[in-house]
Amino acid sequence: MQAVIETKEDGSVALELDREATRAMIASIVFAARFHEGIAPLAAMVEASLERSQDCAARGALCQ
């Protein structure tokens, strides 16, 4: 599992994760959303992103 986290001067954070680290992070977000309604919107965004990603992979195209 590999993860690179970079903080920027403007306060933002850049993450670079391999597949295993990404899955672990997503699982943590989805799990936490069950216990705190403030996290639910983030879980919904992650799930929607995964669906778009799978659709793109199925078509063999690049999507953003």
N, C-alpha and C. Protein backbone atom coordinates (compact mmCIF):
# COMPACT_ATOMS: atom_id res chain seq x y z
N MET A 1 0.86 -1.16 0.00
CA MET A 1 0.00 0.00 0.00
C MET A 1 0.91 1.23 0.00
N GLN A 2 0.65 2.13 -0.93
CA GLN A 2 1.45 3.35 -1.06
C GLN A 2 0.54 4.57 -1.04
N ALA A 3 0.96 5.58 -0.31
CA ALA A 3 0.22 6.85 -0.27
C ALA A 3 1.21 7.99 -0.13
N VAL A 4 1.01 9.03 -0.92
CA VAL A 4 1.81 10.24 -0.83
C VAL A 4 0.85 11.38 -0.54
N ILE A 5 1.10 12.10 0.53
CA ILE A 5 0.24 13.22 0.92
C ILE A 5 1.10 14.48 0.92
N GLU A 6 0.63 15.48 0.19
CA GLU A 6 1.38 16.74 0.07
C GLU A 6 0.48 17.89 0.51
N THR A 7 0.94 18.66 1.48
CA THR A 7 0.18 19.84 1.88
C THR A 7 0.73 21.04 1.11
N LYS A 8 -0.17 21.93 0.77
CA LYS A 8 0.22 23.09 -0.03
C LYS A 8 0.09 24.34 0.82
N GLU A 9 0.73 25.42 0.38
CA GLU A 9 0.74 26.66 1.14
C GLU A 9 -0.65 27.26 1.31
N ASP A 10 -1.56 26.98 0.36
CA ASP A 10 -2.92 27.54 0.46
C ASP A 10 -3.82 26.71 1.38
N GLY A 11 -3.28 25.68 2.00
CA GLY A 11 -4.04 24.86 2.93
C GLY A 11 -4.66 23.63 2.31
N SER A 12 -4.57 23.49 1.00
CA SER A 12 -5.12 22.30 0.35
C SER A 12 -4.17 21.12 0.50
N VAL A 13 -4.69 19.94 0.23
CA VAL A 13 -3.92 18.72 0.37
C VAL A 13 -4.04 17.92 -0.92
N ALA A 14 -2.94 17.41 -1.42
CA ALA A 14 -2.94 16.55 -2.61
C ALA A 14 -2.61 15.13 -2.17
N LEU A 15 -3.42 14.17 -2.63
CA LEU A 15 -3.21 12.77 -2.30
C LEU A 15 -2.89 11.99 -3.56
N GLU A 16 -1.93 11.10 -3.46
CA GLU A 16 -1.64 10.16 -4.53
C GLU A 16 -1.63 8.78 -3.88
N LEU A 17 -2.60 7.96 -4.26
CA LEU A 17 -2.79 6.66 -3.64
C LEU A 17 -2.74 5.55 -4.67
N ASP A 18 -2.19 4.41 -4.28
CA ASP A 18 -2.29 3.25 -5.16
C ASP A 18 -3.67 2.62 -4.96
N ARG A 19 -3.97 1.58 -5.73
CA ARG A 19 -5.30 0.97 -5.71
C ARG A 19 -5.68 0.48 -4.31
N GLU A 20 -4.76 -0.18 -3.63
CA GLU A 20 -5.05 -0.72 -2.30
C GLU A 20 -5.33 0.39 -1.28
N ALA A 21 -4.53 1.45 -1.31
CA ALA A 21 -4.73 2.57 -0.40
C ALA A 21 -6.04 3.28 -0.70
N THR A 22 -6.39 3.40 -1.98
CA THR A 22 -7.65 4.03 -2.37
C THR A 22 -8.83 3.24 -1.84
N ARG A 23 -8.78 1.94 -2.00
CA ARG A 23 -9.88 1.10 -1.50
C ARG A 23 -10.03 1.21 0.01
N ALA A 24 -8.91 1.26 0.72
CA ALA A 24 -8.97 1.39 2.17
C ALA A 24 -9.57 2.73 2.57
N MET A 25 -9.20 3.80 1.88
CA MET A 25 -9.72 5.12 2.19
C MET A 25 -11.22 5.18 1.91
N ILE A 26 -11.65 4.64 0.78
CA ILE A 26 -13.07 4.64 0.43
C ILE A 26 -13.87 3.83 1.45
N ALA A 27 -13.35 2.68 1.84
CA ALA A 27 -14.04 1.85 2.83
C ALA A 27 -14.18 2.61 4.15
N SER A 28 -13.17 3.35 4.53
CA SER A 28 -13.22 4.14 5.77
C SER A 28 -14.28 5.23 5.69
N ILE A 29 -14.36 5.91 4.56
CA ILE A 29 -15.34 6.98 4.38
C ILE A 29 -16.76 6.42 4.42
N VAL A 30 -16.99 5.33 3.70
CA VAL A 30 -18.32 4.73 3.67
C VAL A 30 -18.71 4.23 5.05
N PHE A 31 -17.78 3.62 5.76
CA PHE A 31 -18.05 3.13 7.11
C PHE A 31 -18.37 4.29 8.05
N ALA A 32 -17.57 5.34 8.00
CA ALA A 32 -17.78 6.49 8.89
C ALA A 32 -19.11 7.19 8.59
N ALA A 33 -19.53 7.18 7.33
CA ALA A 33 -20.79 7.83 6.96
C ALA A 33 -21.99 7.18 7.63
N ARG A 34 -21.85 5.93 7.99
CA ARG A 34 -22.96 5.24 8.68
C ARG A 34 -23.18 5.79 10.08
N PHE A 35 -22.17 6.41 10.65
CA PHE A 35 -22.24 6.86 12.04
C PHE A 35 -22.29 8.38 12.19
N HIS A 36 -22.07 9.11 11.12
CA HIS A 36 -22.06 10.57 11.21
C HIS A 36 -22.65 11.14 9.93
N GLU A 37 -23.81 11.81 10.05
CA GLU A 37 -24.50 12.30 8.87
C GLU A 37 -23.72 13.39 8.13
N GLY A 38 -22.78 14.03 8.80
CA GLY A 38 -21.96 15.05 8.14
C GLY A 38 -21.02 14.47 7.09
N ILE A 39 -20.73 13.19 7.21
CA ILE A 39 -19.82 12.53 6.27
C ILE A 39 -20.59 11.94 5.09
N ALA A 40 -21.89 11.78 5.23
CA ALA A 40 -22.71 11.15 4.19
C ALA A 40 -22.55 11.82 2.82
N PRO A 41 -22.52 13.16 2.71
CA PRO A 41 -22.32 13.77 1.39
C PRO A 41 -20.99 13.37 0.75
N LEU A 42 -19.95 13.25 1.55
CA LEU A 42 -18.65 12.84 1.03
C LEU A 42 -18.73 11.40 0.52
N ALA A 43 -19.39 10.53 1.25
CA ALA A 43 -19.55 9.14 0.82
C ALA A 43 -20.32 9.08 -0.49
N ALA A 44 -21.35 9.90 -0.63
CA ALA A 44 -22.13 9.92 -1.87
C ALA A 44 -21.27 10.39 -3.05
N MET A 45 -20.42 11.39 -2.83
CA MET A 45 -19.53 11.87 -3.89
C MET A 45 -18.56 10.78 -4.31
N VAL A 46 -18.01 10.06 -3.34
CA VAL A 46 -17.06 8.99 -3.63
C VAL A 46 -17.74 7.88 -4.43
N GLU A 47 -18.95 7.50 -4.02
CA GLU A 47 -19.66 6.44 -4.73
C GLU A 47 -20.00 6.87 -6.15
N ALA A 48 -20.42 8.11 -6.35
CA ALA A 48 -20.72 8.61 -7.69
C ALA A 48 -19.47 8.62 -8.55
N SER A 49 -18.35 9.01 -7.97
CA SER A 49 -17.09 9.02 -8.70
C SER A 49 -16.69 7.62 -9.12
N LEU A 50 -16.89 6.65 -8.24
CA LEU A 50 -16.57 5.27 -8.57
C LEU A 50 -17.44 4.76 -9.72
N GLU A 51 -18.72 5.11 -9.71
CA GLU A 51 -19.62 4.69 -10.78
C GLU A 51 -19.17 5.28 -12.11
N ARG A 52 -18.80 6.57 -12.13
CA ARG A 52 -18.31 7.19 -13.36
C ARG A 52 -17.04 6.51 -13.83
N SER A 53 -16.16 6.21 -12.88
CA SER A 53 -14.89 5.57 -13.20
C SER A 53 -15.12 4.19 -13.82
N GLN A 54 -16.05 3.44 -13.27
CA GLN A 54 -16.35 2.10 -13.80
C GLN A 54 -16.98 2.20 -15.18
N ASP A 55 -17.85 3.19 -15.39
CA ASP A 55 -18.46 3.39 -16.71
C ASP A 55 -17.39 3.70 -17.75
N CYS A 56 -16.43 4.54 -17.39
CA CYS A 56 -15.36 4.91 -18.31
C CYS A 56 -14.49 3.70 -18.64
N ALA A 57 -14.17 2.92 -17.62
CA ALA A 57 -13.34 1.74 -17.83
C ALA A 57 -14.05 0.74 -18.75
N ALA A 58 -15.36 0.62 -18.59
CA ALA A 58 -16.11 -0.31 -19.40
C ALA A 58 -16.11 0.12 -20.86
N ARG A 59 -16.13 1.43 -21.10
CA ARG A 59 -16.11 1.95 -22.46
C ARG A 59 -14.70 2.01 -23.05
N GLY A 60 -13.70 1.94 -22.18
CA GLY A 60 -12.32 2.04 -22.64
C GLY A 60 -11.95 3.46 -23.00
N ALA A 61 -12.63 4.44 -22.41
CA ALA A 61 -12.37 5.85 -22.73
C ALA A 61 -11.86 6.56 -21.49
N LEU A 62 -11.25 7.70 -21.71
CA LEU A 62 -10.83 8.56 -20.61
C LEU A 62 -11.95 9.52 -20.28
N CYS A 63 -12.29 9.62 -19.02
CA CYS A 63 -13.34 10.54 -18.58
C CYS A 63 -12.83 11.39 -17.43
N GLN A 64 -13.45 12.52 -17.25
CA GLN A 64 -13.10 13.38 -16.13
C GLN A 64 -14.33 13.85 -15.46
